[in-house]
Each structure stands twice: as C-alpha cells, then as structure tokens.
Amino acid sequence: MLIISETERLILRVLEPKDLDSVMNFWGNDEVMKYCGGSSGNRELIGRAINNYMNSQRKRGFSAYAVILKETNEIIGACGYNYTQDGNEVELIYHFSKQYWGKGYATEAGKACIEYARENLHIDKIIASVDPKHYSSRKVLEKLGFEYIDMRWFEDTKQNEPYFELHI
C-alpha cells in the first residue's frame, strides 16, 4: 500500500484492484458522475481505470488516489491527477461519494495532491476544468488557489467548460 499523503482527516494512497467495490460508490454512481460526461462506469471499465492509474503511478509518479477517511478507514472518494499531452502539466480530478459532499474533503484532498505535486513532480502547472453547472466543484478549485483562465471545449464531455490553472 503506497501512501502518498496524510492530512488531519484523510489518507491518500495509490488505488489497488481490491478497491473496486468502494470505488463503484462514486465512479459507478450516475449522480456523482453527472457532471463528468454524464455517465458512470461499469465494473469492467472502472477496473481498467484502476489498473491504468496504478501504471501511471509507476511510470509517471502520479495518478488518481484513493481518499480514505481515517475515522472509518473507508474509501470515500478519489483525488489526484490525469496525464495530459503537455509534459509540464497534470490535470487535477476529484470525485467523492455523495454522502461525503459538502464536508471539505475535496479541498483537503486537493491541497494534499498539490503539495505532492510541488514536492515530487517536475511540472509547471496543474490544470482543471468543471462542468459549468457544478458550482461547488468550481468553489473547490477557487479555494485551492486555481485561477480561472477561460471557457474551453472539452471533447470528452462535449461542452464548453470553465478552465483553470495553478502554477507551481
């Protein structure tokens, strides 16, 4: 188990195949994923995603991480990075099970991921985008210090979205 960060309430560690059932609570949930292209994943797709993130951690030193609530030792979400074509940047992502929304976990996990990037990744910036209707996610990015740049088209979600950057 590779832990990449620990905060007051959370542990962030590399995802593992054994996490599939827990991860289904957010990546497999239509309501959680409605602002992320509109559909949740099935077990096979999410299993492949976990393996891809494990490979990304080995090859690139970053991935999306399981976010574990210390109090219960339960995986409550994922936060971390997606690879981009630009080797000087990574894309911050975060998804949490609905019962953990509005409790500051995304901001806390995001801060831990930003600190990890500053200490371990040789990049210039972190990018992020949000669905224009997902106001709470935009607030998270603003709390983390991201700067709104402009609206950009995203092929995966088939829409224009607010695009943000954080220079590190």
C-alpha atoms as a PDB file:
ATOM      1  CA  MET A   1       0.000   0.000   0.000  1.00  0.00           C
ATOM      2  CA  LEU A   2       1.665   3.181  -1.235  1.00  0.00           C
ATOM      3  CA  ILE A   3       0.524   6.190   0.811  1.00  0.00           C
ATOM      4  CA  ILE A   4       1.335   9.471  -0.914  1.00  0.00           C
ATOM      5  CA  SER A   5      -0.113  11.872   1.673  1.00  0.00           C
ATOM      6  CA  GLU A   6      -1.838  12.088   5.003  1.00  0.00           C
ATOM      7  CA  THR A   7      -3.910  15.005   6.305  1.00  0.00           C
ATOM      8  CA  GLU A   8      -5.737  15.553   9.576  1.00  0.00           C
ATOM      9  CA  ARG A   9      -8.751  13.503   8.414  1.00  0.00           C
ATOM     10  CA  LEU A  10      -7.599  11.687   5.283  1.00  0.00           C
ATOM     11  CA  ILE A  11      -5.094   9.243   3.849  1.00  0.00           C
ATOM     12  CA  LEU A  12      -4.351   9.327   0.116  1.00  0.00           C
ATOM     13  CA  ARG A  13      -2.886   6.182  -1.387  1.00  0.00           C
ATOM     14  CA  VAL A  14      -2.468   4.562  -4.769  1.00  0.00           C
ATOM     15  CA  LEU A  15      -5.587   2.748  -5.942  1.00  0.00           C
ATOM     16  CA  GLU A  16      -5.481  -1.062  -5.954  1.00  0.00           C
ATOM     17  CA  PRO A  17      -7.668  -3.711  -7.635  1.00  0.00           C
ATOM     18  CA  LYS A  18      -9.160  -4.614  -4.230  1.00  0.00           C
ATOM     19  CA  ASP A  19     -10.680  -1.099  -4.117  1.00  0.00           C
ATOM     20  CA  LEU A  20     -13.159  -1.806  -6.927  1.00  0.00           C
ATOM     21  CA  ASP A  21     -16.262  -2.223  -4.728  1.00  0.00           C
ATOM     22  CA  SER A  22     -15.550   1.002  -2.838  1.00  0.00           C
ATOM     23  CA  VAL A  23     -14.746   2.949  -5.999  1.00  0.00           C
ATOM     24  CA  MET A  24     -18.045   1.862  -7.548  1.00  0.00           C
ATOM     25  CA  ASN A  25     -19.748   4.091  -4.911  1.00  0.00           C
ATOM     26  CA  PHE A  26     -18.582   7.180  -6.782  1.00  0.00           C
ATOM     27  CA  TRP A  27     -17.240   6.297 -10.267  1.00  0.00           C
ATOM     28  CA  GLY A  28     -20.115   3.845 -10.667  1.00  0.00           C
ATOM     29  CA  ASN A  29     -22.770   6.293  -9.424  1.00  0.00           C
ATOM     30  CA  ASP A  30     -24.776   8.249 -12.034  1.00  0.00           C
ATOM     31  CA  GLU A  31     -25.492  11.168  -9.704  1.00  0.00           C
ATOM     32  CA  VAL A  32     -21.843  11.586  -8.719  1.00  0.00           C
ATOM     33  CA  MET A  33     -20.687  11.383 -12.336  1.00  0.00           C
ATOM     34  CA  LYS A  34     -23.415  13.503 -13.966  1.00  0.00           C
ATOM     35  CA  TYR A  35     -21.049  16.481 -14.228  1.00  0.00           C
ATOM     36  CA  CYS A  36     -18.238  14.344 -15.661  1.00  0.00           C
ATOM     37  CA  GLY A  37     -19.516  13.474 -19.088  1.00  0.00           C
ATOM     38  CA  GLY A  38     -22.890  12.288 -17.899  1.00  0.00           C
ATOM     39  CA  SER A  39     -22.451   8.621 -17.178  1.00  0.00           C
ATOM     40  CA  SER A  40     -20.957   6.352 -14.590  1.00  0.00           C
ATOM     41  CA  GLY A  41     -18.717   3.426 -15.337  1.00  0.00           C
ATOM     42  CA  ASN A  42     -19.360  -0.290 -15.030  1.00  0.00           C
ATOM     43  CA  ARG A  43     -17.172  -2.692 -13.048  1.00  0.00           C
ATOM     44  CA  GLU A  44     -15.065  -3.697 -16.060  1.00  0.00           C
ATOM     45  CA  LEU A  45     -14.376  -0.107 -17.112  1.00  0.00           C
ATOM     46  CA  ILE A  46     -13.581   1.041 -13.581  1.00  0.00           C
ATOM     47  CA  GLY A  47     -11.342  -1.992 -13.029  1.00  0.00           C
ATOM     48  CA  ARG A  48      -9.352  -0.976 -16.123  1.00  0.00           C
ATOM     49  CA  ALA A  49      -9.197   2.613 -14.851  1.00  0.00           C
ATOM     50  CA  ILE A  50      -7.734   1.425 -11.543  1.00  0.00           C
ATOM     51  CA  ASN A  51      -5.079  -0.582 -13.411  1.00  0.00           C
ATOM     52  CA  ASN A  52      -4.314   2.418 -15.641  1.00  0.00           C
ATOM     53  CA  TYR A  53      -3.867   4.644 -12.584  1.00  0.00           C
ATOM     54  CA  MET A  54      -1.565   2.057 -10.962  1.00  0.00           C
ATOM     55  CA  ASN A  55       0.526   2.015 -14.167  1.00  0.00           C
ATOM     56  CA  SER A  56       0.574   5.814 -14.285  1.00  0.00           C
ATOM     57  CA  GLN A  57       1.927   5.950 -10.734  1.00  0.00           C
ATOM     58  CA  ARG A  58       4.702   3.502 -11.636  1.00  0.00           C
ATOM     59  CA  LYS A  59       5.614   5.201 -14.925  1.00  0.00           C
ATOM     60  CA  ARG A  60       4.994   8.878 -14.221  1.00  0.00           C
ATOM     61  CA  GLY A  61       4.930   9.224 -10.431  1.00  0.00           C
ATOM     62  CA  PHE A  62       1.305  10.360 -10.264  1.00  0.00           C
ATOM     63  CA  SER A  63      -2.238   9.032 -10.585  1.00  0.00           C
ATOM     64  CA  ALA A  64      -5.684   9.380  -9.062  1.00  0.00           C
ATOM     65  CA  TYR A  65      -5.535   8.270  -5.425  1.00  0.00           C
ATOM     66  CA  ALA A  66      -7.958   6.542  -3.091  1.00  0.00           C
ATOM     67  CA  VAL A  67      -9.110   9.024  -0.451  1.00  0.00           C
ATOM     68  CA  ILE A  68      -9.571   7.184   2.842  1.00  0.00           C
ATOM     69  CA  LEU A  69     -11.386   8.645   5.827  1.00  0.00           C
ATOM     70  CA  LYS A  70      -9.120   7.963   8.823  1.00  0.00           C
ATOM     71  CA  GLU A  71     -12.045   7.772  11.237  1.00  0.00           C
ATOM     72  CA  THR A  72     -13.618   4.766   9.481  1.00  0.00           C
ATOM     73  CA  ASN A  73     -10.809   3.519   7.178  1.00  0.00           C
ATOM     74  CA  GLU A  74     -13.358   3.768   4.332  1.00  0.00           C
ATOM     75  CA  ILE A  75     -12.600   4.899   0.776  1.00  0.00           C
ATOM     76  CA  ILE A  76     -14.808   7.958   0.329  1.00  0.00           C
ATOM     77  CA  GLY A  77     -13.502   9.229  -2.998  1.00  0.00           C
ATOM     78  CA  ALA A  78     -10.616   9.687  -5.363  1.00  0.00           C
ATOM     79  CA  CYS A  79      -8.408  12.706  -5.901  1.00  0.00           C
ATOM     80  CA  GLY A  80      -5.281  13.091  -7.947  1.00  0.00           C
ATOM     81  CA  TYR A  81      -4.049  13.535 -11.451  1.00  0.00           C
ATOM     82  CA  ASN A  82      -4.702  12.596 -15.028  1.00  0.00           C
ATOM     83  CA  TYR A  83      -1.944  12.661 -17.623  1.00  0.00           C
ATOM     84  CA  THR A  84      -2.041  15.356 -20.309  1.00  0.00           C
ATOM     85  CA  GLN A  85      -0.149  15.591 -23.601  1.00  0.00           C
ATOM     86  CA  ASP A  86       1.866  18.510 -22.200  1.00  0.00           C
ATOM     87  CA  GLY A  87       4.648  17.053 -20.052  1.00  0.00           C
ATOM     88  CA  ASN A  88       4.821  20.269 -17.988  1.00  0.00           C
ATOM     89  CA  GLU A  89       1.345  19.851 -16.519  1.00  0.00           C
ATOM     90  CA  VAL A  90      -1.127  17.433 -14.966  1.00  0.00           C
ATOM     91  CA  GLU A  91      -4.906  17.605 -14.627  1.00  0.00           C
ATOM     92  CA  LEU A  92      -6.409  17.598 -11.118  1.00  0.00           C
ATOM     93  CA  ILE A  93      -9.523  15.450 -10.685  1.00  0.00           C
ATOM     94  CA  TYR A  94     -11.660  14.620  -7.663  1.00  0.00           C
ATOM     95  CA  HIS A  95     -14.811  12.562  -7.122  1.00  0.00           C
ATOM     96  CA  PHE A  96     -16.477  11.683  -3.815  1.00  0.00           C
ATOM     97  CA  SER A  97     -19.366   9.501  -2.719  1.00  0.00           C
ATOM     98  CA  LYS A  98     -22.440  11.685  -2.307  1.00  0.00           C
ATOM     99  CA  GLN A  99     -22.736  11.265   1.468  1.00  0.00           C
ATOM    100  CA  TYR A 100     -19.330  12.993   1.804  1.00  0.00           C
ATOM    101  CA  TRP A 101     -20.141  16.083  -0.247  1.00  0.00           C
ATOM    102  CA  GLY A 102     -20.022  19.482   1.445  1.00  0.00           C
ATOM    103  CA  LYS A 103     -17.672  18.426   4.263  1.00  0.00           C
ATOM    104  CA  GLY A 104     -14.444  19.914   2.900  1.00  0.00           C
ATOM    105  CA  TYR A 105     -12.907  16.593   1.875  1.00  0.00           C
ATOM    106  CA  ALA A 106     -12.328  17.592  -1.769  1.00  0.00           C
ATOM    107  CA  THR A 107     -10.475  20.740  -0.700  1.00  0.00           C
ATOM    108  CA  GLU A 108      -8.444  18.843   1.902  1.00  0.00           C
ATOM    109  CA  ALA A 109      -7.510  16.084  -0.552  1.00  0.00           C
ATOM    110  CA  GLY A 110      -6.813  18.639  -3.299  1.00  0.00           C
ATOM    111  CA  LYS A 111      -4.376  20.519  -1.039  1.00  0.00           C
ATOM    112  CA  ALA A 112      -2.580  17.258  -0.295  1.00  0.00           C
ATOM    113  CA  CYS A 113      -2.314  16.489  -4.028  1.00  0.00           C
ATOM    114  CA  ILE A 114      -0.987  19.965  -4.813  1.00  0.00           C
ATOM    115  CA  GLU A 115       1.648  19.600  -2.106  1.00  0.00           C
ATOM    116  CA  TYR A 116       2.570  16.177  -3.511  1.00  0.00           C
ATOM    117  CA  ALA A 117       2.995  17.725  -6.977  1.00  0.00           C
ATOM    118  CA  ARG A 118       5.189  20.538  -5.622  1.00  0.00           C
ATOM    119  CA  GLU A 119       7.448  18.086  -3.813  1.00  0.00           C
ATOM    120  CA  ASN A 120       7.554  15.185  -6.283  1.00  0.00           C
ATOM    121  CA  LEU A 121       6.588  16.160  -9.817  1.00  0.00           C
ATOM    122  CA  HIS A 122       8.670  18.190 -12.237  1.00  0.00           C
ATOM    123  CA  ILE A 123       5.839  20.223 -13.725  1.00  0.00           C
ATOM    124  CA  ASP A 124       4.999  23.900 -14.152  1.00  0.00           C
ATOM    125  CA  LYS A 125       1.260  23.845 -13.637  1.00  0.00           C
ATOM    126  CA  ILE A 126      -1.827  21.917 -12.674  1.00  0.00           C
ATOM    127  CA  ILE A 127      -4.912  22.342 -14.837  1.00  0.00           C
ATOM    128  CA  ALA A 128      -8.572  21.620 -14.112  1.00  0.00           C
ATOM    129  CA  SER A 129     -11.995  22.122 -15.628  1.00  0.00           C
ATOM    130  CA  VAL A 130     -15.522  21.799 -14.278  1.00  0.00           C
ATOM    131  CA  ASP A 131     -18.986  21.432 -15.682  1.00  0.00           C
ATOM    132  CA  PRO A 132     -20.456  24.955 -15.876  1.00  0.00           C
ATOM    133  CA  LYS A 133     -23.396  23.843 -13.691  1.00  0.00           C
ATOM    134  CA  HIS A 134     -21.208  22.295 -10.975  1.00  0.00           C
ATOM    135  CA  TYR A 135     -20.806  25.363  -8.763  1.00  0.00           C
ATOM    136  CA  SER A 136     -19.481  23.516  -5.713  1.00  0.00           C
ATOM    137  CA  SER A 137     -16.646  21.975  -7.723  1.00  0.00           C
ATOM    138  CA  ARG A 138     -15.698  25.417  -9.023  1.00  0.00           C
ATOM    139  CA  LYS A 139     -15.603  26.664  -5.415  1.00  0.00           C
ATOM    140  CA  VAL A 140     -13.179  23.859  -4.541  1.00  0.00           C
ATOM    141  CA  LEU A 141     -10.803  24.960  -7.302  1.00  0.00           C
ATOM    142  CA  GLU A 142     -11.012  28.574  -6.152  1.00  0.00           C
ATOM    143  CA  LYS A 143     -10.264  27.561  -2.532  1.00  0.00           C
ATOM    144  CA  LEU A 144      -7.243  25.642  -3.800  1.00  0.00           C
ATOM    145  CA  GLY A 145      -5.898  28.785  -5.486  1.00  0.00           C
ATOM    146  CA  PHE A 146      -6.661  27.912  -9.110  1.00  0.00           C
ATOM    147  CA  GLU A 147      -7.072  30.830 -11.494  1.00  0.00           C
ATOM    148  CA  TYR A 148      -9.938  30.905 -13.982  1.00  0.00           C
ATOM    149  CA  ILE A 149      -8.477  31.277 -17.484  1.00  0.00           C
ATOM    150  CA  ASP A 150     -11.377  30.994 -19.941  1.00  0.00           C
ATOM    151  CA  MET A 151     -14.078  28.743 -21.355  1.00  0.00           C
ATOM    152  CA  ARG A 152     -12.751  25.805 -23.406  1.00  0.00           C
ATOM    153  CA  TRP A 153     -14.255  22.991 -25.432  1.00  0.00           C
ATOM    154  CA  PHE A 154     -13.716  19.504 -23.998  1.00  0.00           C
ATOM    155  CA  GLU A 155     -14.265  16.646 -26.382  1.00  0.00           C
ATOM    156  CA  ASP A 156     -14.818  14.049 -23.625  1.00  0.00           C
ATOM    157  CA  THR A 157     -17.767  15.979 -22.156  1.00  0.00           C
ATOM    158  CA  LYS A 158     -18.842  17.577 -25.473  1.00  0.00           C
ATOM    159  CA  GLN A 159     -19.221  21.049 -23.975  1.00  0.00           C
ATOM    160  CA  ASN A 160     -17.510  24.328 -23.153  1.00  0.00           C
ATOM    161  CA  GLU A 161     -16.277  24.351 -19.559  1.00  0.00           C
ATOM    162  CA  PRO A 162     -14.531  26.815 -17.267  1.00  0.00           C
ATOM    163  CA  TYR A 163     -10.794  26.060 -17.474  1.00  0.00           C
ATOM    164  CA  PHE A 164      -8.435  26.747 -14.544  1.00  0.00           C
ATOM    165  CA  GLU A 165      -4.694  26.714 -13.925  1.00  0.00           C
ATOM    166  CA  LEU A 166      -2.472  26.663 -10.871  1.00  0.00           C
ATOM    167  CA  HIS A 167       1.201  27.465 -11.436  1.00  0.00           C
ATOM    168  CA  ILE A 168       3.506  25.647  -9.051  1.00  0.00           C
END
